[in-house]
Amino acid sequence: MRATFKEPRMSTYENYQPPLAYSPKAACAQLSCGLTFLYFEIAAGRIEARKAGGRTLILAESLRAYIEALPKADIRTGRKGAA
């Protein structure tokens, strides 16, 4: 039997829509943080959360704005002579 070549389906990538909101667990994955830290930032008003029934949703644009508002990191290597 002869193998037939199939074209890759691109519809998954062409129709991709980024999420409008994340669950707290998914938001933590996006920020690489824990739930306690996330809820602390929500309580401080730095991240916006909404309620849909009993479910908490974190707006994607709120996460983006939070990251953009963070100060730039001043990371130094600690090695002598490093540029």
Protein backbone atom coordinates (compact mmCIF):
# COMPACT_ATOMS: atom_id res chain seq x y z
CA MET A 1 0.00 0.00 0.00
CA ARG A 2 1.30 3.39 -0.93
CA ALA A 3 1.56 6.15 1.67
CA THR A 4 -0.13 9.40 0.76
CA PHE A 5 1.17 12.77 1.81
CA LYS A 6 -1.27 14.88 3.78
CA GLU A 7 -0.95 18.64 4.00
CA PRO A 8 -0.58 19.85 7.58
CA ARG A 9 -3.68 21.48 8.94
CA MET A 10 -3.00 25.11 9.70
CA SER A 11 -6.50 25.98 10.88
CA THR A 12 -5.51 25.55 14.51
CA TYR A 13 -2.88 28.27 14.20
CA GLU A 14 -4.78 30.51 11.81
CA ASN A 15 -7.86 30.60 14.04
CA TYR A 16 -5.99 30.93 17.33
CA GLN A 17 -7.54 33.45 19.69
CA PRO A 18 -5.61 34.33 22.84
CA PRO A 19 -7.69 33.90 26.00
CA LEU A 20 -9.61 36.89 27.36
CA ALA A 21 -9.23 35.70 30.93
CA TYR A 22 -7.47 33.03 32.98
CA SER A 23 -8.39 30.96 36.01
CA PRO A 24 -6.22 31.82 39.02
CA LYS A 25 -4.21 28.62 38.49
CA ALA A 26 -3.62 29.43 34.79
CA ALA A 27 -2.73 33.04 35.68
CA CYS A 28 -0.13 31.72 38.12
CA ALA A 29 1.33 29.60 35.33
CA GLN A 30 1.53 32.69 33.10
CA LEU A 31 3.27 34.72 35.82
CA SER A 32 5.35 31.85 37.24
CA CYS A 33 4.07 32.56 40.73
CA GLY A 34 1.98 30.88 43.41
CA LEU A 35 -1.68 31.37 44.27
CA THR A 36 -0.89 33.19 47.51
CA PHE A 37 1.22 35.77 45.66
CA LEU A 38 -1.47 36.17 42.98
CA TYR A 39 -4.22 36.78 45.53
CA PHE A 40 -1.95 39.22 47.38
CA GLU A 41 -1.47 41.22 44.15
CA ILE A 42 -5.24 41.12 43.50
CA ALA A 43 -5.94 42.38 47.05
CA ALA A 44 -3.37 45.15 46.55
CA GLY A 45 -5.20 46.22 43.37
CA ARG A 46 -2.27 45.49 41.04
CA ILE A 47 -4.07 42.67 39.20
CA GLU A 48 -7.74 42.86 38.28
CA ALA A 49 -10.01 39.88 38.96
CA ARG A 50 -13.65 39.38 38.02
CA LYS A 51 -16.28 36.98 39.28
CA ALA A 52 -18.49 34.91 36.96
CA GLY A 53 -20.87 33.16 39.31
CA GLY A 54 -18.55 31.49 41.82
CA ARG A 55 -15.61 31.41 39.44
CA THR A 56 -12.74 33.91 39.66
CA LEU A 57 -11.32 35.13 36.36
CA ILE A 58 -8.14 37.12 35.84
CA LEU A 59 -8.25 39.37 32.78
CA ALA A 60 -5.44 38.70 30.31
CA GLU A 61 -4.97 42.43 29.69
CA SER A 62 -4.65 42.94 33.45
CA LEU A 63 -1.80 40.40 33.57
CA ARG A 64 -0.11 42.11 30.64
CA ALA A 65 -0.45 45.54 32.26
CA TYR A 66 0.87 44.16 35.56
CA ILE A 67 4.01 42.80 33.88
CA GLU A 68 4.58 46.00 31.91
CA ALA A 69 4.27 48.08 35.11
CA LEU A 70 6.96 46.09 36.93
CA PRO A 71 10.34 47.83 37.23
CA LYS A 72 13.16 46.70 35.01
CA ALA A 73 15.47 44.19 36.64
CA ASP A 74 18.96 45.36 37.50
CA ILE A 75 20.77 42.04 37.34
CA ARG A 76 24.49 41.93 37.74
CA THR A 77 26.65 38.86 37.31
CA GLY A 78 28.67 39.39 40.47
CA ARG A 79 31.84 38.41 38.66
CA LYS A 80 34.76 40.79 38.48
CA GLY A 81 35.47 42.07 35.02
CA ALA A 82 32.08 41.07 33.68
CA ALA A 83 30.57 43.58 31.31
